[in-house]
Amino acid sequence: MRDEGHTFPSIANWLNDNGYKSARGKVFRNPHIHSILKKKQIADDKRNKRYSPKIENMNIKIVKKPI
């Protein structure tokens, strides 16, 4: 809905009007919607982040231990 141009209050009102409740069973308010979308964006960014492989200072050490 946010991508379609809806504001946080209008999204909260729509959720409340359609019987949705927050995780704690309360009504939605503007800050709830903002927080949910912000946390989703952070999670999506972490999930989609690509790291280029980098190998540095590799060593192989063989240690003989007496039995």
Protein backbone atom coordinates (compact mmCIF):
# COMPACT_ATOMS: atom_id res chain seq x y z
CA MET A 1 0.00 0.00 0.00
CA ARG A 2 2.88 2.33 0.73
CA ASP A 3 4.20 1.83 -2.81
CA GLU A 4 0.79 2.92 -4.09
CA GLY A 5 1.12 6.24 -2.24
CA HIS A 6 -0.88 5.54 0.91
CA THR A 7 0.18 7.32 4.08
CA PHE A 8 0.93 5.62 7.39
CA PRO A 9 -2.38 6.81 8.92
CA SER A 10 -4.39 5.53 5.96
CA ILE A 11 -2.67 2.13 6.13
CA ALA A 12 -3.29 1.95 9.89
CA ASN A 13 -6.95 2.87 9.40
CA TRP A 14 -7.37 0.25 6.67
CA LEU A 15 -5.85 -2.47 8.86
CA ASN A 16 -8.04 -1.47 11.81
CA ASP A 17 -11.19 -1.25 9.66
CA ASN A 18 -10.57 -4.73 8.25
CA GLY A 19 -10.18 -6.34 11.66
CA TYR A 20 -6.41 -6.69 11.83
CA LYS A 21 -4.73 -6.37 15.22
CA SER A 22 -1.11 -5.79 16.17
CA ALA A 23 1.03 -8.63 17.50
CA ARG A 24 -0.11 -7.69 21.00
CA GLY A 25 -3.78 -7.57 20.04
CA LYS A 26 -4.10 -3.79 19.87
CA VAL A 27 -5.11 -1.39 17.11
CA PHE A 28 -2.55 -0.12 14.63
CA ARG A 29 -1.28 3.45 14.75
CA ASN A 30 1.03 5.44 12.47
CA PRO A 31 4.28 4.58 14.30
CA HIS A 32 3.46 0.87 14.17
CA ILE A 33 3.23 0.95 10.39
CA HIS A 34 6.45 2.95 10.09
CA SER A 35 8.29 0.54 12.39
CA ILE A 36 7.04 -2.55 10.55
CA LEU A 37 8.09 -1.17 7.16
CA LYS A 38 11.46 0.03 8.47
CA LYS A 39 12.28 -3.38 9.99
CA LYS A 40 11.22 -5.13 6.79
CA GLN A 41 13.51 -2.86 4.75
CA ILE A 42 16.44 -3.62 7.06
CA ALA A 43 15.79 -7.37 6.83
CA ASP A 44 15.47 -7.22 3.03
CA ASP A 45 18.71 -5.26 2.76
CA LYS A 46 20.56 -7.85 4.86
CA ARG A 47 19.07 -10.73 2.90
CA ASN A 48 19.89 -9.24 -0.50
CA LYS A 49 23.37 -7.96 0.31
CA ARG A 50 26.07 -9.59 -1.77
CA TYR A 51 29.60 -10.01 -0.52
CA SER A 52 32.52 -10.54 -2.83
CA PRO A 53 34.81 -13.34 -1.67
CA LYS A 54 38.12 -12.24 -0.26
CA ILE A 55 40.84 -14.62 0.88
CA GLU A 56 43.83 -13.27 2.75
CA ASN A 57 46.82 -14.65 4.64
CA MET A 58 46.03 -18.33 4.43
CA ASN A 59 48.39 -20.67 6.21
CA ILE A 60 48.44 -24.43 6.64
CA LYS A 61 50.17 -25.72 9.69
CA ILE A 62 50.76 -29.44 10.30
CA VAL A 63 51.45 -30.40 13.87
CA LYS A 64 52.64 -33.89 14.82
CA LYS A 65 51.59 -34.90 18.28
CA PRO A 66 52.99 -38.00 19.99
CA ILE A 67 50.47 -40.68 20.83
